[in-house]
Amino acid sequence: MNFFKYIKAVGTGPKSNRDLTKEEIKEAIEGILEQKCESEQAAAFLMLLRVKLESDDELKGCLQTFKKYIKRETLPQSVELGYSYDGKSNQPYLFPLYAPILNDFFSRYKDIEPFDIVISGDELQPAKNGVTVKELATAVKLDERIHFFDRKEYFSELSALTSLRKKLYMRTIFNTVEKLLNPANSKYALTSAFHKPYVEKYNKLFGDSYENLVIIKGSEGAPEVFNDFKYWIKKDGNIVEESIKLLDLDIEYNQTYEDLALEGMVEIINNPTPELIKIVKLNVAILLFTTKRVDSINKAYEMLNVKDGNFINFFKKLFS
């Protein structure tokens, strides 16, 4: 494979660099996934492409190539949570706690159609260190409503590049495209963006794959919130920004951690505090909004808060 032409296109210099066409990026990504080029060539290309900054067409071409390899199931009434693959260390993952609250919600509001939750995980990828979704998903018992998809099984070609990506120790085009791979053909998706330009980028890249896509400014690149936050949705073809303050919902969560390890996360999940449960309910409210079950996050949060819901003891019993 003449891979050098792709390296030359993105790495000749500021005056001569150019964006690859969709067909070119597809062939280049296919060559990397199928290891038709040398690992050094793949590394050089990924680094130079990142320095150049990927175009929208290059991102779309990469995603289209990925779709050729992904082995899918079908869970249409589901929401995919688009986590990053570089882990978390400042707050616990919340997804193991979603199902009990959702199950209680659907038992009380029988006219609202239930949905499942889809998460995807793999070994740790650059560019930071933390506990991965895969580590937590395999360390705790997940409710049958939560479906974990191991990328090593449904997209082995990308998973096999983990060693190469660790040697680069930098973000590449893969970090952007891999956030929402839709292994379950989900109708809805929730992901996060830290920098506002990525909101538009994610809408262009993933928007056509889902009936509804919600993007939040989440914690550590995860689709989870622990503080006041902004979120973006598409209305009448335009991206609209909204914001929510926790004090307006009577939430005063202020717990933070440093270098939180897997064991610590499991302990927090097994013994959630009352304020953490409020945070979990808020995140479940975001899911109800994302799946169009309730028309606002605030309304969904209000519906979730029943005075007789003793979730502290419920969680302790569930995870004991």
C-alpha atoms as a PDB file:
ATOM      1  CA  MET A   1       0.000   0.000   0.000  1.00  0.00           C
ATOM      2  CA  ASN A   2       1.383   3.420  -0.970  1.00  0.00           C
ATOM      3  CA  PHE A   3       0.659   5.062   2.370  1.00  0.00           C
ATOM      4  CA  PHE A   4       3.305   7.750   2.006  1.00  0.00           C
ATOM      5  CA  LYS A   5       1.025   9.864  -0.196  1.00  0.00           C
ATOM      6  CA  TYR A   6      -1.329  10.387   2.747  1.00  0.00           C
ATOM      7  CA  ILE A   7       1.513  11.333   5.086  1.00  0.00           C
ATOM      8  CA  LYS A   8       2.762  13.799   2.486  1.00  0.00           C
ATOM      9  CA  ALA A   9      -0.685  15.352   2.076  1.00  0.00           C
ATOM     10  CA  VAL A  10      -1.018  16.219   5.775  1.00  0.00           C
ATOM     11  CA  GLY A  11       2.640  16.653   6.755  1.00  0.00           C
ATOM     12  CA  THR A  12       4.481  18.628   4.083  1.00  0.00           C
ATOM     13  CA  GLY A  13       4.129  21.955   5.866  1.00  0.00           C
ATOM     14  CA  PRO A  14       1.630  24.782   6.474  1.00  0.00           C
ATOM     15  CA  LYS A  15       1.830  26.028   2.874  1.00  0.00           C
ATOM     16  CA  SER A  16       1.464  22.621   1.233  1.00  0.00           C
ATOM     17  CA  ASN A  17      -0.735  20.654   3.635  1.00  0.00           C
ATOM     18  CA  ARG A  18      -4.200  19.854   2.372  1.00  0.00           C
ATOM     19  CA  ASP A  19      -7.343  18.155   3.585  1.00  0.00           C
ATOM     20  CA  LEU A  20      -7.895  14.651   2.327  1.00  0.00           C
ATOM     21  CA  THR A  21     -10.989  13.841   0.322  1.00  0.00           C
ATOM     22  CA  LYS A  22     -13.515  11.445   1.845  1.00  0.00           C
ATOM     23  CA  GLU A  23     -12.245   8.645  -0.356  1.00  0.00           C
ATOM     24  CA  GLU A  24      -8.642   9.328   0.622  1.00  0.00           C
ATOM     25  CA  ILE A  25      -9.339   9.419   4.358  1.00  0.00           C
ATOM     26  CA  LYS A  26     -11.408   6.231   4.068  1.00  0.00           C
ATOM     27  CA  GLU A  27      -8.545   4.423   2.351  1.00  0.00           C
ATOM     28  CA  ALA A  28      -6.016   5.754   4.869  1.00  0.00           C
ATOM     29  CA  ILE A  29      -8.108   4.759   7.912  1.00  0.00           C
ATOM     30  CA  GLU A  30      -8.844   1.372   6.370  1.00  0.00           C
ATOM     31  CA  GLY A  31      -5.117   0.851   5.851  1.00  0.00           C
ATOM     32  CA  ILE A  32      -4.455   1.633   9.514  1.00  0.00           C
ATOM     33  CA  LEU A  33      -7.304  -0.559  10.817  1.00  0.00           C
ATOM     34  CA  GLU A  34      -6.238  -3.502   8.669  1.00  0.00           C
ATOM     35  CA  GLN A  35      -2.565  -2.814   9.413  1.00  0.00           C
ATOM     36  CA  LYS A  36      -1.701  -2.604   5.724  1.00  0.00           C
ATOM     37  CA  CYS A  37       0.864   0.094   6.492  1.00  0.00           C
ATOM     38  CA  GLU A  38       3.799   0.116   8.871  1.00  0.00           C
ATOM     39  CA  SER A  39       3.002   1.126  12.446  1.00  0.00           C
ATOM     40  CA  GLU A  40       5.500   3.993  12.132  1.00  0.00           C
ATOM     41  CA  GLN A  41       3.616   5.267   9.080  1.00  0.00           C
ATOM     42  CA  ALA A  42       0.291   5.022  10.896  1.00  0.00           C
ATOM     43  CA  ALA A  43       1.716   6.910  13.888  1.00  0.00           C
ATOM     44  CA  ALA A  44       3.187   9.652  11.697  1.00  0.00           C
ATOM     45  CA  PHE A  45      -0.067  10.078   9.793  1.00  0.00           C
ATOM     46  CA  LEU A  46      -2.240  10.268  12.913  1.00  0.00           C
ATOM     47  CA  MET A  47       0.074  12.818  14.557  1.00  0.00           C
ATOM     48  CA  LEU A  48       0.347  15.029  11.482  1.00  0.00           C
ATOM     49  CA  LEU A  49      -3.378  14.870  10.804  1.00  0.00           C
ATOM     50  CA  ARG A  50      -4.013  16.028  14.367  1.00  0.00           C
ATOM     51  CA  VAL A  51      -1.550  18.908  14.040  1.00  0.00           C
ATOM     52  CA  LYS A  52      -3.167  19.971  10.764  1.00  0.00           C
ATOM     53  CA  LEU A  53      -6.615  19.697  12.425  1.00  0.00           C
ATOM     54  CA  GLU A  54      -9.115  17.316  10.929  1.00  0.00           C
ATOM     55  CA  SER A  55     -11.699  18.691   8.513  1.00  0.00           C
ATOM     56  CA  ASP A  56     -15.381  17.813   8.808  1.00  0.00           C
ATOM     57  CA  ASP A  57     -15.088  15.589   5.729  1.00  0.00           C
ATOM     58  CA  GLU A  58     -12.096  13.777   7.205  1.00  0.00           C
ATOM     59  CA  LEU A  59     -14.026  13.112  10.406  1.00  0.00           C
ATOM     60  CA  LYS A  60     -17.066  11.893   8.480  1.00  0.00           C
ATOM     61  CA  GLY A  61     -14.923   9.698   6.254  1.00  0.00           C
ATOM     62  CA  CYS A  62     -13.289   8.149   9.312  1.00  0.00           C
ATOM     63  CA  LEU A  63     -16.680   7.397  10.887  1.00  0.00           C
ATOM     64  CA  GLN A  64     -17.996   5.912   7.637  1.00  0.00           C
ATOM     65  CA  THR A  65     -14.968   3.639   7.519  1.00  0.00           C
ATOM     66  CA  PHE A  66     -15.515   2.564  11.118  1.00  0.00           C
ATOM     67  CA  LYS A  67     -19.091   1.564  10.270  1.00  0.00           C
ATOM     68  CA  LYS A  68     -17.805  -1.093   7.863  1.00  0.00           C
ATOM     69  CA  TYR A  69     -16.210  -3.003  10.744  1.00  0.00           C
ATOM     70  CA  ILE A  70     -18.602  -2.563  13.669  1.00  0.00           C
ATOM     71  CA  LYS A  71     -20.649  -5.630  14.640  1.00  0.00           C
ATOM     72  CA  ARG A  72     -24.014  -4.371  15.855  1.00  0.00           C
ATOM     73  CA  GLU A  73     -27.037  -5.517  17.816  1.00  0.00           C
ATOM     74  CA  THR A  74     -30.344  -3.672  17.693  1.00  0.00           C
ATOM     75  CA  LEU A  75     -31.790  -1.990  20.765  1.00  0.00           C
ATOM     76  CA  PRO A  76     -33.765   0.816  19.104  1.00  0.00           C
ATOM     77  CA  GLN A  77     -35.458   2.006  22.304  1.00  0.00           C
ATOM     78  CA  SER A  78     -32.136   2.858  23.889  1.00  0.00           C
ATOM     79  CA  VAL A  79     -29.914   5.836  24.551  1.00  0.00           C
ATOM     80  CA  GLU A  80     -26.188   5.614  23.869  1.00  0.00           C
ATOM     81  CA  LEU A  81     -23.943   7.384  26.359  1.00  0.00           C
ATOM     82  CA  GLY A  82     -20.866   8.687  24.578  1.00  0.00           C
ATOM     83  CA  TYR A  83     -18.014   8.416  27.068  1.00  0.00           C
ATOM     84  CA  SER A  84     -14.401   9.224  26.324  1.00  0.00           C
ATOM     85  CA  TYR A  85     -11.940   6.355  26.495  1.00  0.00           C
ATOM     86  CA  ASP A  86      -9.276   8.110  28.588  1.00  0.00           C
ATOM     87  CA  GLY A  87     -10.935   7.495  31.936  1.00  0.00           C
ATOM     88  CA  LYS A  88     -12.117   9.499  34.942  1.00  0.00           C
ATOM     89  CA  SER A  89     -10.438  10.302  38.261  1.00  0.00           C
ATOM     90  CA  ASN A  90     -12.217  13.331  39.785  1.00  0.00           C
ATOM     91  CA  GLN A  91     -15.729  11.908  40.145  1.00  0.00           C
ATOM     92  CA  PRO A  92     -17.250   8.407  40.063  1.00  0.00           C
ATOM     93  CA  TYR A  93     -19.110   7.041  37.073  1.00  0.00           C
ATOM     94  CA  LEU A  94     -22.840   7.236  37.673  1.00  0.00           C
ATOM     95  CA  PHE A  95     -24.319   4.862  35.099  1.00  0.00           C
ATOM     96  CA  PRO A  96     -24.590   1.826  37.463  1.00  0.00           C
ATOM     97  CA  LEU A  97     -27.016   3.876  39.582  1.00  0.00           C
ATOM     98  CA  TYR A  98     -29.338   4.904  36.751  1.00  0.00           C
ATOM     99  CA  ALA A  99     -31.364   1.707  36.409  1.00  0.00           C
ATOM    100  CA  PRO A 100     -32.998   1.576  39.887  1.00  0.00           C
ATOM    101  CA  ILE A 101     -34.213   5.147  39.483  1.00  0.00           C
ATOM    102  CA  LEU A 102     -35.474   4.506  35.962  1.00  0.00           C
ATOM    103  CA  ASN A 103     -37.202   1.284  37.001  1.00  0.00           C
ATOM    104  CA  ASP A 104     -38.998   3.137  39.775  1.00  0.00           C
ATOM    105  CA  PHE A 105     -39.908   5.942  37.372  1.00  0.00           C
ATOM    106  CA  PHE A 106     -41.392   3.612  34.753  1.00  0.00           C
ATOM    107  CA  SER A 107     -43.338   1.709  37.411  1.00  0.00           C
ATOM    108  CA  ARG A 108     -45.026   4.964  38.430  1.00  0.00           C
ATOM    109  CA  TYR A 109     -45.487   6.472  34.957  1.00  0.00           C
ATOM    110  CA  LYS A 110     -46.781   3.488  33.025  1.00  0.00           C
ATOM    111  CA  ASP A 111     -47.818   5.612  30.051  1.00  0.00           C
ATOM    112  CA  ILE A 112     -44.154   6.468  29.326  1.00  0.00           C
ATOM    113  CA  GLU A 113     -42.307   3.914  27.201  1.00  0.00           C
ATOM    114  CA  PRO A 114     -39.221   2.467  28.923  1.00  0.00           C
ATOM    115  CA  PHE A 115     -35.800   2.548  27.307  1.00  0.00           C
ATOM    116  CA  ASP A 116     -32.430   0.893  27.837  1.00  0.00           C
ATOM    117  CA  ILE A 117     -28.967   2.402  28.273  1.00  0.00           C
ATOM    118  CA  VAL A 118     -25.999   1.558  26.051  1.00  0.00           C
ATOM    119  CA  ILE A 119     -22.388   2.149  27.086  1.00  0.00           C
ATOM    120  CA  SER A 120     -19.200   1.201  25.287  1.00  0.00           C
ATOM    121  CA  GLY A 121     -15.731   0.623  26.683  1.00  0.00           C
ATOM    122  CA  ASP A 122     -12.206  -0.500  25.942  1.00  0.00           C
ATOM    123  CA  GLU A 123      -8.719  -0.394  27.421  1.00  0.00           C
ATOM    124  CA  LEU A 124      -7.407   3.026  28.453  1.00  0.00           C
ATOM    125  CA  GLN A 125      -6.635   5.341  25.515  1.00  0.00           C
ATOM    126  CA  PRO A 126      -4.596   8.585  25.524  1.00  0.00           C
ATOM    127  CA  ALA A 127      -4.434  11.405  26.459  1.00  0.00           C
ATOM    128  CA  LYS A 128      -4.932  11.176  30.256  1.00  0.00           C
ATOM    129  CA  ASN A 129      -5.101   8.477  32.902  1.00  0.00           C
ATOM    130  CA  GLY A 130      -8.152   7.419  34.821  1.00  0.00           C
ATOM    131  CA  VAL A 131     -10.581   4.604  35.540  1.00  0.00           C
ATOM    132  CA  THR A 132     -12.211   3.433  32.322  1.00  0.00           C
ATOM    133  CA  VAL A 133     -15.839   2.603  31.634  1.00  0.00           C
ATOM    134  CA  LYS A 134     -14.776  -0.979  30.932  1.00  0.00           C
ATOM    135  CA  GLU A 135     -13.039  -1.334  34.302  1.00  0.00           C
ATOM    136  CA  LEU A 136     -16.094  -0.178  36.228  1.00  0.00           C
ATOM    137  CA  ALA A 137     -18.630  -2.023  34.074  1.00  0.00           C
ATOM    138  CA  THR A 138     -16.824  -5.289  34.766  1.00  0.00           C
ATOM    139  CA  ALA A 139     -16.321  -4.567  38.484  1.00  0.00           C
ATOM    140  CA  VAL A 140     -19.976  -4.010  39.428  1.00  0.00           C
ATOM    141  CA  LYS A 141     -23.181  -5.857  38.646  1.00  0.00           C
ATOM    142  CA  LEU A 142     -25.185  -3.936  36.072  1.00  0.00           C
ATOM    143  CA  ASP A 143     -28.958  -4.024  35.862  1.00  0.00           C
ATOM    144  CA  GLU A 144     -30.361  -5.705  32.749  1.00  0.00           C
ATOM    145  CA  ARG A 145     -31.487  -2.262  31.558  1.00  0.00           C
ATOM    146  CA  ILE A 146     -27.825  -1.238  31.117  1.00  0.00           C
ATOM    147  CA  HIS A 147     -25.953  -2.851  28.230  1.00  0.00           C
ATOM    148  CA  PHE A 148     -22.169  -2.766  28.152  1.00  0.00           C
ATOM    149  CA  PHE A 149     -20.527  -3.261  24.744  1.00  0.00           C
ATOM    150  CA  ASP A 150     -16.870  -4.243  24.839  1.00  0.00           C
ATOM    151  CA  ARG A 151     -15.145  -2.687  21.850  1.00  0.00           C
ATOM    152  CA  LYS A 152     -12.665  -5.550  21.774  1.00  0.00           C
ATOM    153  CA  GLU A 153     -15.595  -7.709  20.699  1.00  0.00           C
ATOM    154  CA  TYR A 154     -17.644  -5.440  18.436  1.00  0.00           C
ATOM    155  CA  PHE A 155     -14.808  -3.440  16.824  1.00  0.00           C
ATOM    156  CA  SER A 156     -11.639  -5.458  17.312  1.00  0.00           C
ATOM    157  CA  GLU A 157      -9.738  -3.608  14.582  1.00  0.00           C
ATOM    158  CA  LEU A 158      -9.817  -0.316  16.486  1.00  0.00           C
ATOM    159  CA  SER A 159      -9.253  -1.978  19.843  1.00  0.00           C
ATOM    160  CA  ALA A 160      -6.114  -3.612  18.448  1.00  0.00           C
ATOM    161  CA  LEU A 161      -4.590  -0.154  17.910  1.00  0.00           C
ATOM    162  CA  THR A 162      -4.506   0.572  21.653  1.00  0.00           C
ATOM    163  CA  SER A 163      -0.789  -0.168  21.958  1.00  0.00           C
ATOM    164  CA  LEU A 164       0.061   2.170  19.080  1.00  0.00           C
ATOM    165  CA  ARG A 165      -2.107   4.951  20.492  1.00  0.00           C
ATOM    166  CA  LYS A 166      -0.480   4.628  23.916  1.00  0.00           C
ATOM    167  CA  LYS A 167       2.933   5.069  22.334  1.00  0.00           C
ATOM    168  CA  LEU A 168       1.742   8.303  20.710  1.00  0.00           C
ATOM    169  CA  TYR A 169       0.283   9.513  24.016  1.00  0.00           C
ATOM    170  CA  MET A 170      -1.747  12.201  22.275  1.00  0.00           C
ATOM    171  CA  ARG A 171      -5.259  12.666  21.001  1.00  0.00           C
ATOM    172  CA  THR A 172      -5.912  11.666  17.399  1.00  0.00           C
ATOM    173  CA  ILE A 173      -8.859  11.661  15.025  1.00  0.00           C
ATOM    174  CA  PHE A 174      -9.954   8.450  16.744  1.00  0.00           C
ATOM    175  CA  ASN A 175     -10.666  10.254  20.050  1.00  0.00           C
ATOM    176  CA  THR A 176     -13.276  12.397  18.331  1.00  0.00           C
ATOM    177  CA  VAL A 177     -14.933   9.770  16.161  1.00  0.00           C
ATOM    178  CA  GLU A 178     -15.047   6.940  18.713  1.00  0.00           C
ATOM    179  CA  LYS A 179     -17.306   8.758  21.213  1.00  0.00           C
ATOM    180  CA  LEU A 180     -20.503   7.561  19.527  1.00  0.00           C
ATOM    181  CA  LEU A 181     -20.094   4.339  17.520  1.00  0.00           C
ATOM    182  CA  ASN A 182     -23.708   3.207  18.050  1.00  0.00           C
ATOM    183  CA  PRO A 183     -23.136  -0.553  18.488  1.00  0.00           C
ATOM    184  CA  ALA A 184     -26.816  -1.058  19.402  1.00  0.00           C
ATOM    185  CA  ASN A 185     -28.466   1.040  16.665  1.00  0.00           C
ATOM    186  CA  SER A 186     -29.775   3.355  19.388  1.00  0.00           C
ATOM    187  CA  LYS A 187     -32.279   6.063  18.453  1.00  0.00           C
ATOM    188  CA  TYR A 188     -30.957   8.538  21.010  1.00  0.00           C
ATOM    189  CA  ALA A 189     -27.520   9.701  22.100  1.00  0.00           C
ATOM    190  CA  LEU A 190     -25.994  11.808  24.849  1.00  0.00           C
ATOM    191  CA  THR A 191     -22.376  12.908  24.827  1.00  0.00           C
ATOM    192  CA  SER A 192     -20.251  15.756  26.107  1.00  0.00           C
ATOM    193  CA  ALA A 193     -18.101  18.540  24.733  1.00  0.00           C
ATOM    194  CA  PHE A 194     -15.724  20.764  26.661  1.00  0.00           C
ATOM    195  CA  HIS A 195     -14.928  23.232  23.883  1.00  0.00           C
ATOM    196  CA  LYS A 196     -17.938  24.855  22.221  1.00  0.00           C
ATOM    197  CA  PRO A 197     -16.647  24.401  18.618  1.00  0.00           C
ATOM    198  CA  TYR A 198     -16.994  20.655  19.168  1.00  0.00           C
ATOM    199  CA  VAL A 199     -20.737  21.039  19.700  1.00  0.00           C
ATOM    200  CA  GLU A 200     -21.209  21.932  16.047  1.00  0.00           C
ATOM    201  CA  LYS A 201     -18.577  19.377  15.024  1.00  0.00           C
ATOM    202  CA  TYR A 202     -20.386  16.563  16.893  1.00  0.00           C
ATOM    203  CA  ASN A 203     -23.731  17.578  15.417  1.00  0.00           C
ATOM    204  CA  LYS A 204     -22.319  17.401  11.907  1.00  0.00           C
ATOM    205  CA  LEU A 205     -20.574  14.115  12.599  1.00  0.00           C
ATOM    206  CA  PHE A 206     -23.177  12.196  14.624  1.00  0.00           C
ATOM    207  CA  GLY A 207     -26.463  14.071  14.229  1.00  0.00           C
ATOM    208  CA  ASP A 208     -27.799  12.063  11.290  1.00  0.00           C
ATOM    209  CA  SER A 209     -27.300   8.769  13.141  1.00  0.00           C
ATOM    210  CA  TYR A 210     -29.854   9.501  15.872  1.00  0.00           C
ATOM    211  CA  GLU A 211     -33.394  10.707  16.245  1.00  0.00           C
ATOM    212  CA  ASN A 212     -32.170  13.007  18.991  1.00  0.00           C
ATOM    213  CA  LEU A 213     -28.656  14.046  20.053  1.00  0.00           C
ATOM    214  CA  VAL A 214     -27.998  16.037  23.224  1.00  0.00           C
ATOM    215  CA  ILE A 215     -24.569  17.421  24.045  1.00  0.00           C
ATOM    216  CA  ILE A 216     -23.695  18.557  27.559  1.00  0.00           C
ATOM    217  CA  LYS A 217     -20.660  20.188  29.100  1.00  0.00           C
ATOM    218  CA  GLY A 218     -19.969  17.226  31.349  1.00  0.00           C
ATOM    219  CA  SER A 219     -17.387  16.121  33.855  1.00  0.00           C
ATOM    220  CA  GLU A 220     -14.001  14.920  32.509  1.00  0.00           C
ATOM    221  CA  GLY A 221     -15.340  14.429  29.005  1.00  0.00           C
ATOM    222  CA  ALA A 222     -18.139  12.170  30.250  1.00  0.00           C
ATOM    223  CA  PRO A 223     -21.877  12.598  29.631  1.00  0.00           C
ATOM    224  CA  GLU A 224     -22.431  13.171  33.346  1.00  0.00           C
ATOM    225  CA  VAL A 225     -22.856  16.400  35.303  1.00  0.00           C
ATOM    226  CA  PHE A 226     -21.921  17.214  38.889  1.00  0.00           C
ATOM    227  CA  ASN A 227     -22.062  21.034  38.735  1.00  0.00           C
ATOM    228  CA  ASP A 228     -23.950  23.804  36.960  1.00  0.00           C
ATOM    229  CA  PHE A 229     -23.860  22.964  33.276  1.00  0.00           C
ATOM    230  CA  LYS A 230     -24.744  23.943  29.738  1.00  0.00           C
ATOM    231  CA  TYR A 231     -26.331  21.706  27.149  1.00  0.00           C
ATOM    232  CA  TRP A 232     -27.029  21.973  23.454  1.00  0.00           C
ATOM    233  CA  ILE A 233     -29.851  20.629  21.319  1.00  0.00           C
ATOM    234  CA  LYS A 234     -30.905  21.161  17.755  1.00  0.00           C
ATOM    235  CA  LYS A 235     -34.194  22.990  17.179  1.00  0.00           C
ATOM    236  CA  ASP A 236     -35.507  23.848  13.715  1.00  0.00           C
ATOM    237  CA  GLY A 237     -32.076  23.271  12.237  1.00  0.00           C
ATOM    238  CA  ASN A 238     -30.281  25.533  14.716  1.00  0.00           C
ATOM    239  CA  ILE A 239     -28.123  24.580  17.695  1.00  0.00           C
ATOM    240  CA  VAL A 240     -29.635  26.040  20.872  1.00  0.00           C
ATOM    241  CA  GLU A 241     -27.722  26.474  24.126  1.00  0.00           C
ATOM    242  CA  GLU A 242     -29.443  26.095  27.485  1.00  0.00           C
ATOM    243  CA  SER A 243     -28.105  26.065  31.037  1.00  0.00           C
ATOM    244  CA  ILE A 244     -29.124  24.647  34.420  1.00  0.00           C
ATOM    245  CA  LYS A 245     -28.013  25.728  37.899  1.00  0.00           C
ATOM    246  CA  LEU A 246     -28.031  23.078  40.593  1.00  0.00           C
ATOM    247  CA  LEU A 247     -29.235  25.425  43.355  1.00  0.00           C
ATOM    248  CA  ASP A 248     -32.431  25.996  41.345  1.00  0.00           C
ATOM    249  CA  LEU A 249     -33.078  22.279  41.819  1.00  0.00           C
ATOM    250  CA  ASP A 250     -32.136  22.316  45.514  1.00  0.00           C
ATOM    251  CA  ILE A 251     -28.909  20.401  44.851  1.00  0.00           C
ATOM    252  CA  GLU A 252     -25.822  21.369  46.840  1.00  0.00           C
ATOM    253  CA  TYR A 253     -23.347  18.720  45.751  1.00  0.00           C
ATOM    254  CA  ASN A 254     -19.758  19.902  46.231  1.00  0.00           C
ATOM    255  CA  GLN A 255     -17.761  16.701  46.664  1.00  0.00           C
ATOM    256  CA  THR A 256     -14.575  16.371  44.601  1.00  0.00           C
ATOM    257  CA  TYR A 257     -11.836  13.766  44.515  1.00  0.00           C
ATOM    258  CA  GLU A 258      -8.231  13.497  43.380  1.00  0.00           C
ATOM    259  CA  ASP A 259      -6.915  10.418  41.595  1.00  0.00           C
ATOM    260  CA  LEU A 260     -10.027   8.413  42.400  1.00  0.00           C
ATOM    261  CA  ALA A 261      -9.247   4.728  41.834  1.00  0.00           C
ATOM    262  CA  LEU A 262     -11.547   1.853  40.845  1.00  0.00           C
ATOM    263  CA  GLU A 263     -11.974   0.615  44.410  1.00  0.00           C
ATOM    264  CA  GLY A 264     -12.998   4.080  45.540  1.00  0.00           C
ATOM    265  CA  MET A 265     -15.568   4.385  42.767  1.00  0.00           C
ATOM    266  CA  VAL A 266     -17.099   1.029  43.647  1.00  0.00           C
ATOM    267  CA  GLU A 267     -17.334   2.071  47.301  1.00  0.00           C
ATOM    268  CA  ILE A 268     -19.084   5.334  46.378  1.00  0.00           C
ATOM    269  CA  ILE A 269     -21.546   3.511  44.130  1.00  0.00           C
ATOM    270  CA  ASN A 270     -22.289   0.971  46.856  1.00  0.00           C
ATOM    271  CA  ASN A 271     -22.880   3.692  49.465  1.00  0.00           C
ATOM    272  CA  PRO A 272     -24.226   6.819  47.752  1.00  0.00           C
ATOM    273  CA  THR A 273     -24.872   9.906  49.857  1.00  0.00           C
ATOM    274  CA  PRO A 274     -28.204  11.754  49.708  1.00  0.00           C
ATOM    275  CA  GLU A 275     -26.623  14.589  47.699  1.00  0.00           C
ATOM    276  CA  LEU A 276     -25.049  12.151  45.247  1.00  0.00           C
ATOM    277  CA  ILE A 277     -28.451  10.545  44.709  1.00  0.00           C
ATOM    278  CA  LYS A 278     -29.790  13.986  43.783  1.00  0.00           C
ATOM    279  CA  ILE A 279     -26.992  14.230  41.209  1.00  0.00           C
ATOM    280  CA  VAL A 280     -27.857  10.769  39.884  1.00  0.00           C
ATOM    281  CA  LYS A 281     -31.508  11.792  39.537  1.00  0.00           C
ATOM    282  CA  LEU A 282     -30.477  14.912  37.643  1.00  0.00           C
ATOM    283  CA  ASN A 283     -28.475  12.803  35.211  1.00  0.00           C
ATOM    284  CA  VAL A 284     -31.415  10.432  34.803  1.00  0.00           C
ATOM    285  CA  ALA A 285     -33.589  13.489  34.088  1.00  0.00           C
ATOM    286  CA  ILE A 286     -31.167  14.378  31.281  1.00  0.00           C
ATOM    287  CA  LEU A 287     -31.670  10.879  29.847  1.00  0.00           C
ATOM    288  CA  LEU A 288     -35.452  11.236  30.001  1.00  0.00           C
ATOM    289  CA  PHE A 289     -35.118  14.504  28.108  1.00  0.00           C
ATOM    290  CA  THR A 290     -32.667  13.036  25.581  1.00  0.00           C
ATOM    291  CA  THR A 291     -35.038  10.149  24.817  1.00  0.00           C
ATOM    292  CA  LYS A 292     -37.964  12.578  24.439  1.00  0.00           C
ATOM    293  CA  ARG A 293     -39.890  10.970  27.291  1.00  0.00           C
ATOM    294  CA  VAL A 294     -40.205  14.312  29.063  1.00  0.00           C
ATOM    295  CA  ASP A 295     -40.023  17.701  27.364  1.00  0.00           C
ATOM    296  CA  SER A 296     -37.580  19.368  29.771  1.00  0.00           C
ATOM    297  CA  ILE A 297     -34.828  18.377  32.177  1.00  0.00           C
ATOM    298  CA  ASN A 298     -36.386  20.388  34.998  1.00  0.00           C
ATOM    299  CA  LYS A 299     -39.748  18.687  34.567  1.00  0.00           C
ATOM    300  CA  ALA A 300     -38.134  15.251  34.452  1.00  0.00           C
ATOM    301  CA  TYR A 301     -36.207  15.983  37.651  1.00  0.00           C
ATOM    302  CA  GLU A 302     -39.406  17.077  39.357  1.00  0.00           C
ATOM    303  CA  MET A 303     -41.163  13.862  38.285  1.00  0.00           C
ATOM    304  CA  LEU A 304     -38.288  11.775  39.631  1.00  0.00           C
ATOM    305  CA  ASN A 305     -38.441  13.318  43.094  1.00  0.00           C
ATOM    306  CA  VAL A 306     -41.049  11.482  45.092  1.00  0.00           C
ATOM    307  CA  LYS A 307     -41.048  12.024  48.856  1.00  0.00           C
ATOM    308  CA  ASP A 308     -41.464   8.346  49.659  1.00  0.00           C
ATOM    309  CA  GLY A 309     -38.504   7.202  47.542  1.00  0.00           C
ATOM    310  CA  ASN A 310     -35.980   5.781  50.028  1.00  0.00           C
ATOM    311  CA  PHE A 311     -33.174   5.324  47.506  1.00  0.00           C
ATOM    312  CA  ILE A 312     -30.373   5.241  50.097  1.00  0.00           C
ATOM    313  CA  ASN A 313     -31.487   1.899  51.512  1.00  0.00           C
ATOM    314  CA  PHE A 314     -32.537   0.721  48.077  1.00  0.00           C
ATOM    315  CA  PHE A 315     -29.031   1.185  46.635  1.00  0.00           C
ATOM    316  CA  LYS A 316     -27.358  -0.401  49.649  1.00  0.00           C
ATOM    317  CA  LYS A 317     -29.557  -3.473  49.243  1.00  0.00           C
ATOM    318  CA  LEU A 318     -29.010  -3.579  45.487  1.00  0.00           C
ATOM    319  CA  PHE A 319     -25.197  -3.490  45.577  1.00  0.00           C
ATOM    320  CA  SER A 320     -24.617  -5.455  48.792  1.00  0.00           C
END
